[in-house]
Amino acid sequence: MVTRAVLLIVGLSHALPGLLILLVPRWFYDNVGTFPPYSPHFLGDAGAFELPLGVALMAAATDPLRHRWLILLGAAASLLHFANHLLGSLEGGGQWLLTAAVGVPAAALVGVLWIQRRSPPAAV
């Protein structure tokens, strides 16, 4: 039950920004992702990856054991996203709060995989 809730929340945390980036990129840049220069193309690329990643994690919540690969993919993407923000903060970007916020979903997905490590694979 907790695993499914985590997957739904983390999935939403990817899907909602992805949708906002695709629908209102300038608003997203001005209010959330204020990393210059403004580039609607690169924002669109980010949204095109974030939205389906979030949908996949929410779909994985329907049967987490059967969808371990989706969870692993989400964890890998989230960890890379966190590493990117961490590098930026270490280089003097000063966005430590955002770096921590990006790290929470990554840690949550790693936690889900840790919990599942001893569960038998789902029957196909």
Protein backbone atom coordinates (compact mmCIF):
# COMPACT_ATOMS: atom_id res chain seq x y z
CA MET A 1 0.00 0.00 0.00
CA VAL A 2 2.79 2.44 0.91
CA THR A 3 4.71 1.47 -2.22
CA ARG A 4 1.72 2.30 -4.41
CA ALA A 5 1.22 5.65 -2.69
CA VAL A 6 4.90 6.52 -3.16
CA LEU A 7 4.72 5.62 -6.85
CA LEU A 8 1.59 7.72 -7.36
CA ILE A 9 3.07 10.74 -5.57
CA VAL A 10 6.45 10.52 -7.29
CA GLY A 11 4.75 9.88 -10.63
CA LEU A 12 2.65 12.98 -10.14
CA SER A 13 5.77 14.94 -9.18
CA HIS A 14 7.15 14.13 -12.64
CA ALA A 15 3.96 14.27 -14.71
CA LEU A 16 2.65 17.60 -13.43
CA PRO A 17 5.82 19.60 -14.16
CA GLY A 18 6.12 17.82 -17.50
CA LEU A 19 2.60 18.87 -18.41
CA LEU A 20 3.21 22.45 -17.26
CA ILE A 21 6.45 22.64 -19.24
CA LEU A 22 4.65 21.51 -22.39
CA LEU A 23 1.56 23.70 -21.95
CA VAL A 24 2.99 26.88 -20.40
CA PRO A 25 6.78 26.84 -20.83
CA ARG A 26 7.27 30.55 -20.18
CA TRP A 27 5.31 30.38 -16.91
CA PHE A 28 7.32 27.33 -15.84
CA TYR A 29 10.60 29.10 -16.63
CA ASP A 30 9.59 32.29 -14.80
CA ASN A 31 8.26 30.52 -11.70
CA VAL A 32 9.97 27.14 -11.35
CA GLY A 33 12.93 26.43 -13.62
CA THR A 34 14.65 29.80 -13.72
CA PHE A 35 17.86 28.56 -15.31
CA PRO A 36 18.94 31.02 -18.03
CA PRO A 37 18.77 31.38 -20.88
CA TYR A 38 15.10 30.76 -21.60
CA SER A 39 14.79 28.13 -24.32
CA PRO A 40 11.34 26.87 -25.24
CA HIS A 41 12.95 24.05 -27.23
CA PHE A 42 14.95 22.66 -24.30
CA LEU A 43 12.02 23.12 -21.96
CA GLY A 44 9.85 21.20 -24.42
CA ASP A 45 12.44 18.43 -24.49
CA ALA A 46 12.35 18.26 -20.68
CA GLY A 47 8.56 18.15 -20.64
CA ALA A 48 8.54 15.44 -23.29
CA PHE A 49 10.56 13.22 -20.95
CA GLU A 50 9.06 14.23 -17.60
CA LEU A 51 5.42 13.67 -18.54
CA PRO A 52 5.72 10.06 -19.79
CA LEU A 53 8.10 9.21 -16.95
CA GLY A 54 5.48 10.34 -14.46
CA VAL A 55 2.71 8.47 -16.25
CA ALA A 56 4.86 5.31 -16.26
CA LEU A 57 5.45 5.55 -12.51
CA MET A 58 1.74 6.05 -11.86
CA ALA A 59 1.02 3.03 -14.07
CA ALA A 60 3.60 1.03 -12.09
CA ALA A 61 1.54 1.73 -8.96
CA THR A 62 -1.16 -0.60 -10.29
CA ASP A 63 1.14 -3.62 -9.81
CA PRO A 64 4.57 -2.60 -8.49
CA LEU A 65 6.08 -6.09 -8.55
CA ARG A 66 5.15 -6.61 -12.18
CA HIS A 67 6.44 -3.16 -13.16
CA ARG A 68 9.85 -3.21 -11.44
CA TRP A 69 11.57 -2.13 -14.66
CA LEU A 70 9.44 1.01 -14.83
CA ILE A 71 10.35 1.77 -11.22
CA LEU A 72 14.03 1.14 -11.96
CA LEU A 73 13.83 3.46 -14.97
CA GLY A 74 12.14 6.13 -12.84
CA ALA A 75 14.77 5.75 -10.11
CA ALA A 76 17.60 6.04 -12.64
CA ALA A 77 16.10 9.17 -14.21
CA SER A 78 15.45 10.69 -10.79
CA LEU A 79 18.98 9.95 -9.59
CA LEU A 80 20.47 11.50 -12.73
CA HIS A 81 18.23 14.54 -12.28
CA PHE A 82 19.39 14.82 -8.65
CA ALA A 83 23.05 14.43 -9.66
CA ASN A 84 22.64 17.23 -12.20
CA HIS A 85 21.21 19.58 -9.57
CA LEU A 86 23.82 18.55 -7.02
CA LEU A 87 26.61 19.32 -9.47
CA GLY A 88 25.08 22.71 -10.20
CA SER A 89 24.81 23.51 -6.49
CA LEU A 90 28.38 22.39 -5.83
CA GLU A 91 29.60 24.60 -8.67
CA GLY A 92 28.10 27.61 -6.92
CA GLY A 93 24.58 27.61 -8.30
CA GLY A 94 23.28 28.07 -4.77
CA GLN A 95 20.03 26.17 -5.37
CA TRP A 96 20.40 23.79 -2.42
CA LEU A 97 16.71 23.76 -1.50
CA LEU A 98 15.78 22.77 -5.05
CA THR A 99 18.55 20.16 -5.06
CA ALA A 100 17.12 18.64 -1.89
CA ALA A 101 13.59 18.72 -3.33
CA VAL A 102 14.77 16.90 -6.44
CA GLY A 103 16.54 14.34 -4.25
CA VAL A 104 13.38 13.34 -2.35
CA PRO A 105 11.66 11.52 -5.25
CA ALA A 106 14.95 9.83 -6.16
CA ALA A 107 15.38 8.60 -2.59
CA ALA A 108 11.75 7.47 -2.46
CA LEU A 109 12.12 5.36 -5.61
CA VAL A 110 15.37 3.83 -4.35
CA GLY A 111 13.45 3.03 -1.16
CA VAL A 112 10.69 1.31 -3.14
CA LEU A 113 13.27 -0.80 -4.96
CA TRP A 114 14.95 -1.64 -1.65
CA ILE A 115 11.64 -2.79 -0.18
CA GLN A 116 10.96 -4.93 -3.26
CA ARG A 117 14.38 -6.56 -3.33
CA ARG A 118 13.23 -9.70 -1.54
CA SER A 119 9.79 -9.97 -3.08
CA PRO A 120 9.35 -12.72 -5.65
CA PRO A 121 8.81 -11.54 -9.21
CA ALA A 122 5.19 -11.23 -10.26
CA ALA A 123 3.79 -13.99 -12.44
CA VAL A 124 3.39 -12.88 -16.00
